[in-house]
Amino acid sequence: MKTVRIVVSMLMVLCFGVFMASASSIVGHKIPDNYMTVLGVPMGAKKADIIRSLGEPTKTQFRLVRGEGTYILSYGGTDFYCLKGEETEDNAQLVRVILTNRDAAIVGNIAVGDSITKLAEADIFDFQPDIVNHSDTDSRKAYIFYGRYIPRSDYTSGIWFHLYKNNKGEYIITEIDIKR
């Protein structure tokens, strides 16, 4: 009986280990750095460099985002999220950009307001989206993601396109969310 318990325990540990290994594996496609550059500002840029390049933001906020201090620099419909480091405020590093209007475009000249057809025709990705989701609460909303992610976690690194189906039945980009 003791042997059976040991074998069962070992099998449980082995199964848990395999589950954890698969849950923490990164899947998807790595997005080139230039695809994650907006208004000439690359991911990883320092807060001070963004201001030096684009000028004073129209709005600046500091808030906790998932428990981490984050500076949000807004330039019209483009928000730059800079994660506060342990050094000075100016060294906060760019980790996310959200586009909510046509003030800026990404590679392929894709911007908010463009159709999913234009995104497909731009042929900027040589692979299918890594994630495709539809809203549980609104059947007209959908999301597509190109990039890397860990299944069953909130980790993503890539480009999210928030879509809305218009009256003609075509999906239109309503937001572009770029995460490092």
N, C-alpha and C. Protein backbone atom coordinates (compact mmCIF):
# COMPACT_ATOMS: atom_id res chain seq x y z
N MET A 1 0.82 -1.20 0.00
CA MET A 1 0.00 0.00 0.00
C MET A 1 0.86 1.26 0.00
N LYS A 2 1.96 1.23 0.77
CA LYS A 2 2.85 2.37 0.84
C LYS A 2 3.46 2.64 -0.54
N THR A 3 3.80 1.57 -1.27
CA THR A 3 4.38 1.71 -2.59
C THR A 3 3.39 2.37 -3.55
N VAL A 4 2.12 1.99 -3.45
CA VAL A 4 1.08 2.56 -4.30
C VAL A 4 0.97 4.07 -4.04
N ARG A 5 0.99 4.46 -2.76
CA ARG A 5 0.91 5.88 -2.42
C ARG A 5 2.10 6.65 -2.97
N ILE A 6 3.27 6.06 -2.90
CA ILE A 6 4.47 6.72 -3.41
C ILE A 6 4.37 6.89 -4.93
N VAL A 7 3.94 5.83 -5.62
CA VAL A 7 3.82 5.90 -7.07
C VAL A 7 2.77 6.94 -7.48
N VAL A 8 1.62 6.93 -6.78
CA VAL A 8 0.57 7.90 -7.08
C VAL A 8 1.07 9.33 -6.81
N SER A 9 1.77 9.51 -5.72
CA SER A 9 2.32 10.84 -5.40
C SER A 9 3.30 11.29 -6.47
N MET A 10 4.16 10.39 -6.92
CA MET A 10 5.15 10.73 -7.94
C MET A 10 4.44 11.08 -9.25
N LEU A 11 3.39 10.34 -9.60
CA LEU A 11 2.64 10.65 -10.81
C LEU A 11 1.97 12.01 -10.71
N MET A 12 1.43 12.33 -9.54
CA MET A 12 0.79 13.63 -9.36
C MET A 12 1.81 14.75 -9.51
N VAL A 13 2.98 14.59 -8.92
CA VAL A 13 4.03 15.60 -9.03
C VAL A 13 4.46 15.75 -10.48
N LEU A 14 4.62 14.62 -11.19
CA LEU A 14 5.02 14.65 -12.59
C LEU A 14 3.96 15.36 -13.43
N CYS A 15 2.69 15.03 -13.23
CA CYS A 15 1.61 15.67 -14.00
C CYS A 15 1.55 17.16 -13.71
N PHE A 16 1.70 17.55 -12.44
CA PHE A 16 1.68 18.97 -12.08
C PHE A 16 2.85 19.69 -12.74
N GLY A 17 4.02 19.06 -12.74
CA GLY A 17 5.19 19.65 -13.37
C GLY A 17 5.00 19.86 -14.85
N VAL A 18 4.42 18.88 -15.54
CA VAL A 18 4.16 19.01 -16.97
C VAL A 18 3.15 20.12 -17.22
N PHE A 19 2.09 20.18 -16.38
CA PHE A 19 1.09 21.24 -16.51
C PHE A 19 1.74 22.61 -16.34
N MET A 20 2.55 22.77 -15.31
CA MET A 20 3.18 24.07 -15.05
C MET A 20 4.15 24.45 -16.17
N ALA A 21 4.87 23.46 -16.70
CA ALA A 21 5.80 23.75 -17.80
C ALA A 21 5.05 24.21 -19.02
N SER A 22 3.92 23.56 -19.33
CA SER A 22 3.16 23.97 -20.51
C SER A 22 2.48 25.31 -20.28
N ALA A 23 2.04 25.61 -19.07
CA ALA A 23 1.35 26.86 -18.78
C ALA A 23 2.31 28.04 -18.83
N SER A 24 3.58 27.82 -18.57
CA SER A 24 4.52 28.93 -18.54
C SER A 24 5.34 29.04 -19.83
N SER A 25 5.03 28.25 -20.82
CA SER A 25 5.76 28.31 -22.09
C SER A 25 5.23 29.46 -22.95
N ILE A 26 6.14 30.23 -23.48
CA ILE A 26 5.75 31.33 -24.36
C ILE A 26 5.48 30.77 -25.74
N VAL A 27 4.34 31.14 -26.31
CA VAL A 27 3.98 30.70 -27.66
C VAL A 27 3.69 31.93 -28.51
N GLY A 28 3.58 31.72 -29.80
CA GLY A 28 3.28 32.81 -30.71
C GLY A 28 4.51 33.26 -31.48
N HIS A 29 4.40 34.42 -32.09
CA HIS A 29 5.44 34.96 -32.95
C HIS A 29 6.06 36.22 -32.36
N LYS A 30 7.39 36.32 -32.46
CA LYS A 30 8.06 37.54 -32.01
C LYS A 30 7.83 38.63 -33.05
N ILE A 31 7.40 39.77 -32.59
CA ILE A 31 7.15 40.91 -33.47
C ILE A 31 8.44 41.74 -33.59
N PRO A 32 8.84 42.09 -34.81
CA PRO A 32 10.06 42.90 -34.97
C PRO A 32 9.94 44.24 -34.23
N ASP A 33 11.05 44.72 -33.72
CA ASP A 33 11.06 45.96 -32.95
C ASP A 33 10.48 47.14 -33.73
N ASN A 34 10.76 47.22 -35.04
CA ASN A 34 10.27 48.38 -35.80
C ASN A 34 8.75 48.36 -35.94
N TYR A 35 8.11 47.21 -35.77
CA TYR A 35 6.64 47.12 -35.80
C TYR A 35 6.05 47.72 -34.53
N MET A 36 6.85 47.81 -33.48
CA MET A 36 6.38 48.28 -32.18
C MET A 36 6.88 49.70 -31.90
N THR A 37 7.18 50.43 -32.97
CA THR A 37 7.62 51.81 -32.89
C THR A 37 6.48 52.72 -33.34
N VAL A 38 6.16 53.73 -32.54
CA VAL A 38 5.07 54.65 -32.85
C VAL A 38 5.60 56.07 -32.78
N LEU A 39 5.31 56.87 -33.82
CA LEU A 39 5.77 58.25 -33.91
C LEU A 39 7.28 58.36 -33.75
N GLY A 40 7.99 57.33 -34.22
CA GLY A 40 9.45 57.31 -34.14
C GLY A 40 9.99 56.91 -32.79
N VAL A 41 9.11 56.54 -31.85
CA VAL A 41 9.53 56.18 -30.50
C VAL A 41 9.49 54.65 -30.36
N PRO A 42 10.65 54.02 -30.13
CA PRO A 42 10.68 52.56 -29.99
C PRO A 42 10.35 52.11 -28.57
N MET A 43 9.89 50.88 -28.44
CA MET A 43 9.67 50.30 -27.11
C MET A 43 11.00 50.33 -26.36
N GLY A 44 10.93 50.57 -25.08
CA GLY A 44 12.14 50.63 -24.27
C GLY A 44 12.71 52.03 -24.15
N ALA A 45 12.18 52.98 -24.92
CA ALA A 45 12.66 54.36 -24.84
C ALA A 45 12.41 54.91 -23.43
N LYS A 46 13.23 55.82 -23.01
CA LYS A 46 13.08 56.46 -21.69
C LYS A 46 12.08 57.61 -21.79
N LYS A 47 11.40 57.89 -20.69
CA LYS A 47 10.41 58.96 -20.62
C LYS A 47 11.00 60.28 -21.10
N ALA A 48 12.19 60.60 -20.64
CA ALA A 48 12.83 61.87 -21.02
C ALA A 48 13.09 61.92 -22.52
N ASP A 49 13.44 60.78 -23.13
CA ASP A 49 13.70 60.74 -24.57
C ASP A 49 12.41 60.96 -25.36
N ILE A 50 11.29 60.42 -24.86
CA ILE A 50 10.00 60.61 -25.54
C ILE A 50 9.65 62.09 -25.56
N ILE A 51 9.79 62.75 -24.41
CA ILE A 51 9.48 64.18 -24.32
C ILE A 51 10.43 65.00 -25.19
N ARG A 52 11.69 64.62 -25.20
CA ARG A 52 12.68 65.33 -26.04
C ARG A 52 12.32 65.18 -27.52
N SER A 53 11.81 64.02 -27.91
CA SER A 53 11.47 63.76 -29.31
C SER A 53 10.13 64.37 -29.73
N LEU A 54 9.10 64.23 -28.88
CA LEU A 54 7.75 64.65 -29.25
C LEU A 54 7.30 65.96 -28.62
N GLY A 55 8.08 66.49 -27.69
CA GLY A 55 7.69 67.71 -26.99
C GLY A 55 6.86 67.39 -25.76
N GLU A 56 6.38 68.43 -25.12
CA GLU A 56 5.58 68.24 -23.91
C GLU A 56 4.26 67.55 -24.25
N PRO A 57 3.89 66.53 -23.46
CA PRO A 57 2.61 65.85 -23.73
C PRO A 57 1.43 66.75 -23.45
N THR A 58 0.30 66.46 -24.10
CA THR A 58 -0.93 67.22 -23.85
C THR A 58 -1.48 66.88 -22.47
N LYS A 59 -1.11 65.71 -21.94
CA LYS A 59 -1.57 65.29 -20.62
C LYS A 59 -0.56 64.29 -20.06
N THR A 60 -0.27 64.41 -18.75
CA THR A 60 0.61 63.46 -18.08
C THR A 60 -0.08 62.96 -16.83
N GLN A 61 -0.01 61.64 -16.62
CA GLN A 61 -0.60 61.02 -15.42
C GLN A 61 0.43 60.10 -14.78
N PHE A 62 0.26 59.86 -13.51
CA PHE A 62 1.02 58.82 -12.82
C PHE A 62 0.00 57.97 -12.08
N ARG A 63 0.02 56.68 -12.33
CA ARG A 63 -0.91 55.80 -11.62
C ARG A 63 -0.33 54.40 -11.54
N LEU A 64 -0.94 53.62 -10.67
CA LEU A 64 -0.53 52.22 -10.56
C LEU A 64 -1.24 51.42 -11.64
N VAL A 65 -0.46 50.68 -12.42
CA VAL A 65 -1.00 49.78 -13.43
C VAL A 65 -0.50 48.39 -13.06
N ARG A 66 -1.44 47.55 -12.64
CA ARG A 66 -1.11 46.20 -12.15
C ARG A 66 -0.07 46.26 -11.04
N GLY A 67 -0.25 47.24 -10.17
CA GLY A 67 0.61 47.36 -9.00
C GLY A 67 1.95 48.02 -9.23
N GLU A 68 2.20 48.50 -10.44
CA GLU A 68 3.48 49.12 -10.72
C GLU A 68 3.28 50.59 -11.11
N GLY A 69 4.14 51.45 -10.59
CA GLY A 69 4.06 52.87 -10.91
C GLY A 69 4.32 53.12 -12.38
N THR A 70 3.39 53.81 -13.03
CA THR A 70 3.47 54.02 -14.47
C THR A 70 3.15 55.47 -14.81
N TYR A 71 4.00 56.07 -15.63
CA TYR A 71 3.75 57.40 -16.16
C TYR A 71 3.05 57.22 -17.50
N ILE A 72 1.97 57.96 -17.72
CA ILE A 72 1.26 57.90 -18.99
C ILE A 72 1.37 59.27 -19.64
N LEU A 73 2.05 59.29 -20.79
CA LEU A 73 2.24 60.53 -21.54
C LEU A 73 1.27 60.49 -22.71
N SER A 74 0.35 61.45 -22.77
CA SER A 74 -0.65 61.48 -23.84
C SER A 74 -0.31 62.56 -24.85
N TYR A 75 -0.35 62.16 -26.10
CA TYR A 75 -0.17 63.06 -27.23
C TYR A 75 -1.39 62.85 -28.12
N GLY A 76 -2.46 63.62 -27.87
CA GLY A 76 -3.71 63.41 -28.60
C GLY A 76 -4.26 62.03 -28.29
N GLY A 77 -4.45 61.21 -29.32
CA GLY A 77 -4.99 59.87 -29.15
C GLY A 77 -3.94 58.79 -29.03
N THR A 78 -2.72 59.18 -28.64
CA THR A 78 -1.63 58.21 -28.47
C THR A 78 -1.11 58.33 -27.04
N ASP A 79 -1.20 57.23 -26.30
CA ASP A 79 -0.74 57.20 -24.91
C ASP A 79 0.48 56.30 -24.79
N PHE A 80 1.55 56.86 -24.20
CA PHE A 80 2.78 56.12 -23.97
C PHE A 80 2.85 55.75 -22.48
N TYR A 81 2.96 54.48 -22.17
CA TYR A 81 3.02 53.98 -20.79
C TYR A 81 4.47 53.67 -20.46
N CYS A 82 5.01 54.42 -19.49
CA CYS A 82 6.40 54.25 -19.10
C CYS A 82 6.45 53.72 -17.67
N LEU A 83 7.03 52.56 -17.51
CA LEU A 83 7.13 51.91 -16.21
C LEU A 83 8.23 52.56 -15.40
N LYS A 84 7.87 53.00 -14.19
CA LYS A 84 8.82 53.69 -13.32
C LYS A 84 9.90 52.71 -12.86
N GLY A 85 11.12 53.09 -13.06
CA GLY A 85 12.24 52.28 -12.60
C GLY A 85 12.62 52.67 -11.18
N GLU A 86 13.70 52.11 -10.74
CA GLU A 86 14.16 52.41 -9.39
C GLU A 86 15.03 53.66 -9.36
N GLU A 87 15.32 54.20 -10.52
CA GLU A 87 16.16 55.38 -10.60
C GLU A 87 15.29 56.63 -10.66
N THR A 88 15.64 57.55 -11.53
CA THR A 88 14.89 58.80 -11.62
C THR A 88 13.63 58.64 -12.47
N GLU A 89 12.74 59.60 -12.34
CA GLU A 89 11.49 59.62 -13.10
C GLU A 89 11.76 59.62 -14.61
N ASP A 90 12.81 60.35 -15.03
CA ASP A 90 13.13 60.45 -16.46
C ASP A 90 13.55 59.11 -17.07
N ASN A 91 14.00 58.17 -16.23
CA ASN A 91 14.45 56.87 -16.73
C ASN A 91 13.31 55.85 -16.83
N ALA A 92 12.08 56.26 -16.54
CA ALA A 92 10.95 55.35 -16.70
C ALA A 92 10.95 54.85 -18.14
N GLN A 93 10.75 53.56 -18.33
CA GLN A 93 10.92 52.92 -19.63
C GLN A 93 9.59 52.61 -20.31
N LEU A 94 9.51 52.90 -21.62
CA LEU A 94 8.30 52.67 -22.40
C LEU A 94 8.04 51.17 -22.54
N VAL A 95 6.84 50.73 -22.11
CA VAL A 95 6.47 49.33 -22.18
C VAL A 95 5.16 49.10 -22.94
N ARG A 96 4.43 50.19 -23.22
CA ARG A 96 3.13 50.03 -23.87
C ARG A 96 2.72 51.33 -24.57
N VAL A 97 2.06 51.20 -25.72
CA VAL A 97 1.51 52.34 -26.44
C VAL A 97 0.09 51.98 -26.84
N ILE A 98 -0.85 52.89 -26.59
CA ILE A 98 -2.24 52.68 -26.99
C ILE A 98 -2.64 53.80 -27.93
N LEU A 99 -3.15 53.43 -29.10
CA LEU A 99 -3.63 54.39 -30.09
C LEU A 99 -5.15 54.31 -30.12
N THR A 100 -5.80 55.48 -29.93
CA THR A 100 -7.27 55.51 -29.91
C THR A 100 -7.87 56.38 -31.01
N ASN A 101 -7.02 57.04 -31.81
CA ASN A 101 -7.52 57.78 -32.97
C ASN A 101 -6.44 57.79 -34.05
N ARG A 102 -6.66 58.52 -35.10
CA ARG A 102 -5.76 58.49 -36.26
C ARG A 102 -4.54 59.40 -36.12
N ASP A 103 -4.23 59.85 -34.91
CA ASP A 103 -3.06 60.71 -34.72
C ASP A 103 -1.75 60.02 -35.10
N ALA A 104 -1.73 58.70 -35.03
CA ALA A 104 -0.51 57.95 -35.31
C ALA A 104 -0.89 56.65 -36.01
N ALA A 105 0.10 56.07 -36.69
CA ALA A 105 -0.10 54.80 -37.38
C ALA A 105 1.05 53.87 -37.02
N ILE A 106 0.83 52.59 -37.27
CA ILE A 106 1.90 51.62 -37.06
C ILE A 106 2.46 51.24 -38.43
N VAL A 107 3.38 50.31 -38.44
CA VAL A 107 3.98 49.85 -39.69
C VAL A 107 2.88 49.46 -40.68
N GLY A 108 3.11 49.71 -41.95
CA GLY A 108 2.09 49.45 -42.96
C GLY A 108 1.06 50.55 -43.06
N ASN A 109 1.29 51.64 -42.32
CA ASN A 109 0.38 52.79 -42.27
C ASN A 109 -1.03 52.39 -41.80
N ILE A 110 -1.09 51.46 -40.86
CA ILE A 110 -2.35 51.00 -40.28
C ILE A 110 -2.66 51.89 -39.08
N ALA A 111 -3.90 52.39 -39.03
CA ALA A 111 -4.31 53.29 -37.95
C ALA A 111 -5.72 52.96 -37.49
N VAL A 112 -6.10 53.54 -36.37
CA VAL A 112 -7.46 53.43 -35.88
C VAL A 112 -8.40 53.96 -36.96
N GLY A 113 -9.49 53.26 -37.21
CA GLY A 113 -10.45 53.65 -38.23
C GLY A 113 -10.29 52.85 -39.52
N ASP A 114 -9.15 52.17 -39.67
CA ASP A 114 -8.96 51.32 -40.85
C ASP A 114 -9.74 50.03 -40.69
N SER A 115 -10.04 49.40 -41.81
CA SER A 115 -10.76 48.14 -41.78
C SER A 115 -9.79 46.98 -41.61
N ILE A 116 -10.34 45.86 -41.17
CA ILE A 116 -9.53 44.66 -41.04
C ILE A 116 -9.05 44.21 -42.43
N THR A 117 -9.80 44.57 -43.46
CA THR A 117 -9.41 44.26 -44.84
C THR A 117 -8.12 45.00 -45.19
N LYS A 118 -8.02 46.29 -44.80
CA LYS A 118 -6.79 47.04 -45.06
C LYS A 118 -5.62 46.42 -44.32
N LEU A 119 -5.85 45.96 -43.09
CA LEU A 119 -4.80 45.30 -42.32
C LEU A 119 -4.32 44.05 -43.07
N ALA A 120 -5.26 43.25 -43.56
CA ALA A 120 -4.89 42.03 -44.29
C ALA A 120 -4.16 42.37 -45.59
N GLU A 121 -4.62 43.37 -46.30
CA GLU A 121 -4.01 43.76 -47.57
C GLU A 121 -2.63 44.38 -47.39
N ALA A 122 -2.39 45.00 -46.24
CA ALA A 122 -1.08 45.60 -45.97
C ALA A 122 0.00 44.52 -45.88
N ASP A 123 -0.42 43.29 -45.56
CA ASP A 123 0.48 42.14 -45.55
C ASP A 123 1.74 42.39 -44.71
N ILE A 124 1.55 43.00 -43.53
CA ILE A 124 2.70 43.29 -42.68
C ILE A 124 3.11 42.09 -41.83
N PHE A 125 2.19 41.16 -41.62
CA PHE A 125 2.50 39.95 -40.86
C PHE A 125 2.50 38.78 -41.83
N ASP A 126 3.51 37.94 -41.76
CA ASP A 126 3.56 36.79 -42.66
C ASP A 126 3.02 35.52 -41.98
N PHE A 127 2.12 35.74 -41.01
CA PHE A 127 1.49 34.63 -40.30
C PHE A 127 0.10 35.06 -39.86
N GLN A 128 -0.72 34.09 -39.52
CA GLN A 128 -2.07 34.34 -39.04
C GLN A 128 -2.01 34.94 -37.63
N PRO A 129 -3.07 35.61 -37.17
CA PRO A 129 -3.06 36.13 -35.80
C PRO A 129 -2.82 35.00 -34.80
N ASP A 130 -2.14 35.32 -33.72
CA ASP A 130 -1.85 34.33 -32.69
C ASP A 130 -3.04 34.12 -31.76
N ILE A 131 -3.88 35.14 -31.61
CA ILE A 131 -5.09 35.04 -30.79
C ILE A 131 -6.22 35.76 -31.53
N VAL A 132 -7.38 35.15 -31.57
CA VAL A 132 -8.59 35.79 -32.09
C VAL A 132 -9.68 35.55 -31.06
N ASN A 133 -10.27 36.63 -30.55
CA ASN A 133 -11.33 36.54 -29.54
C ASN A 133 -12.52 37.39 -29.95
N HIS A 134 -13.69 36.97 -29.51
CA HIS A 134 -14.90 37.78 -29.65
C HIS A 134 -15.39 38.13 -28.26
N SER A 135 -15.99 39.27 -28.13
CA SER A 135 -16.50 39.73 -26.85
C SER A 135 -17.65 38.84 -26.38
N ASP A 136 -17.66 38.54 -25.10
CA ASP A 136 -18.75 37.77 -24.51
C ASP A 136 -20.01 38.63 -24.34
N THR A 137 -19.83 39.94 -24.24
CA THR A 137 -20.96 40.82 -23.95
C THR A 137 -21.48 41.58 -25.16
N ASP A 138 -20.68 41.71 -26.23
CA ASP A 138 -21.12 42.45 -27.41
C ASP A 138 -20.64 41.70 -28.65
N SER A 139 -21.57 41.13 -29.39
CA SER A 139 -21.21 40.29 -30.54
C SER A 139 -20.56 41.08 -31.66
N ARG A 140 -20.61 42.41 -31.60
CA ARG A 140 -19.99 43.23 -32.65
C ARG A 140 -18.51 43.52 -32.37
N LYS A 141 -18.03 43.18 -31.17
CA LYS A 141 -16.64 43.44 -30.80
C LYS A 141 -15.80 42.17 -30.97
N ALA A 142 -14.57 42.37 -31.43
CA ALA A 142 -13.61 41.27 -31.55
C ALA A 142 -12.21 41.82 -31.31
N TYR A 143 -11.28 40.92 -31.08
CA TYR A 143 -9.89 41.28 -30.80
C TYR A 143 -8.99 40.31 -31.54
N ILE A 144 -7.96 40.83 -32.20
CA ILE A 144 -6.95 39.95 -32.77
C ILE A 144 -5.60 40.39 -32.24
N PHE A 145 -4.72 39.42 -32.08
CA PHE A 145 -3.41 39.67 -31.48
C PHE A 145 -2.33 38.99 -32.31
N TYR A 146 -1.29 39.75 -32.59
CA TYR A 146 -0.09 39.22 -33.22
C TYR A 146 1.04 39.37 -32.22
N GLY A 147 1.67 38.27 -31.83
CA GLY A 147 2.78 38.36 -30.90
C GLY A 147 2.94 37.11 -30.07
N ARG A 148 3.64 37.28 -28.97
CA ARG A 148 3.94 36.16 -28.07
C ARG A 148 3.09 36.29 -26.82
N TYR A 149 2.74 35.15 -26.24
CA TYR A 149 1.93 35.14 -25.03
C TYR A 149 2.15 33.84 -24.27
N ILE A 150 1.74 33.85 -23.02
CA ILE A 150 1.75 32.64 -22.20
C ILE A 150 0.29 32.24 -22.00
N PRO A 151 -0.09 31.04 -22.46
CA PRO A 151 -1.48 30.61 -22.29
C PRO A 151 -1.90 30.63 -20.81
N ARG A 152 -3.15 30.96 -20.58
CA ARG A 152 -3.75 31.00 -19.25
C ARG A 152 -3.04 31.99 -18.32
N SER A 153 -2.52 33.07 -18.90
CA SER A 153 -1.93 34.14 -18.09
C SER A 153 -2.27 35.46 -18.77
N ASP A 154 -1.89 36.57 -18.16
CA ASP A 154 -2.15 37.86 -18.79
C ASP A 154 -0.92 38.41 -19.50
N TYR A 155 0.12 37.58 -19.66
CA TYR A 155 1.34 38.03 -20.35
C TYR A 155 1.13 38.03 -21.87
N THR A 156 1.33 39.17 -22.50
CA THR A 156 1.38 39.28 -23.95
C THR A 156 2.46 40.28 -24.32
N SER A 157 3.09 40.04 -25.46
CA SER A 157 4.07 40.97 -26.01
C SER A 157 3.83 41.02 -27.52
N GLY A 158 3.21 42.09 -27.96
CA GLY A 158 2.88 42.19 -29.38
C GLY A 158 1.85 43.28 -29.61
N ILE A 159 1.00 43.07 -30.62
CA ILE A 159 0.05 44.10 -31.02
C ILE A 159 -1.37 43.55 -30.99
N TRP A 160 -2.22 44.20 -30.19
CA TRP A 160 -3.65 43.89 -30.12
C TRP A 160 -4.40 44.87 -31.00
N PHE A 161 -5.32 44.36 -31.79
CA PHE A 161 -6.22 45.19 -32.57
C PHE A 161 -7.63 44.99 -32.01
N HIS A 162 -8.22 46.05 -31.49
CA HIS A 162 -9.60 46.01 -31.01
C HIS A 162 -10.48 46.35 -32.20
N LEU A 163 -11.48 45.54 -32.45
CA LEU A 163 -12.31 45.69 -33.65
C LEU A 163 -13.77 45.85 -33.29
N TYR A 164 -14.50 46.50 -34.18
CA TYR A 164 -15.94 46.66 -34.02
C TYR A 164 -16.59 46.48 -35.39
N LYS A 165 -17.61 45.63 -35.45
CA LYS A 165 -18.29 45.38 -36.72
C LYS A 165 -19.29 46.49 -36.99
N ASN A 166 -19.10 47.19 -38.12
CA ASN A 166 -20.00 48.29 -38.45
C ASN A 166 -21.30 47.77 -39.08
N ASN A 167 -22.18 48.67 -39.47
CA ASN A 167 -23.48 48.29 -40.04
C ASN A 167 -23.35 47.57 -41.38
N LYS A 168 -22.23 47.73 -42.05
CA LYS A 168 -22.00 47.04 -43.33
C LYS A 168 -21.43 45.64 -43.11
N GLY A 169 -21.19 45.27 -41.84
CA GLY A 169 -20.66 43.95 -41.52
C GLY A 169 -19.15 43.84 -41.60
N GLU A 170 -18.46 44.99 -41.71
CA GLU A 170 -17.01 44.98 -41.80
C GLU A 170 -16.40 45.37 -40.46
N TYR A 171 -15.35 44.68 -40.06
CA TYR A 171 -14.67 45.01 -38.81
C TYR A 171 -13.74 46.20 -39.02
N ILE A 172 -13.85 47.19 -38.12
CA ILE A 172 -13.05 48.42 -38.14
C ILE A 172 -12.18 48.44 -36.89
N ILE A 173 -10.94 48.88 -37.03
CA ILE A 173 -10.03 48.97 -35.88
C ILE A 173 -10.45 50.16 -35.03
N THR A 174 -10.74 49.93 -33.74
CA THR A 174 -11.12 51.00 -32.82
C THR A 174 -10.00 51.37 -31.86
N GLU A 175 -9.03 50.47 -31.72
CA GLU A 175 -7.89 50.73 -30.82
C GLU A 175 -6.77 49.80 -31.21
N ILE A 176 -5.54 50.31 -31.11
CA ILE A 176 -4.34 49.49 -31.30
C ILE A 176 -3.55 49.57 -30.01
N ASP A 177 -3.25 48.42 -29.43
CA ASP A 177 -2.59 48.33 -28.13
C ASP A 177 -1.29 47.53 -28.33
N ILE A 178 -0.17 48.22 -28.17
CA ILE A 178 1.13 47.60 -28.39
C ILE A 178 1.79 47.41 -27.03
N LYS A 179 2.18 46.17 -26.74
CA LYS A 179 2.78 45.85 -25.45
C LYS A 179 4.12 45.18 -25.66
N ARG A 180 5.07 45.57 -24.84
CA ARG A 180 6.39 44.95 -24.89
C ARG A 180 6.42 43.76 -23.97
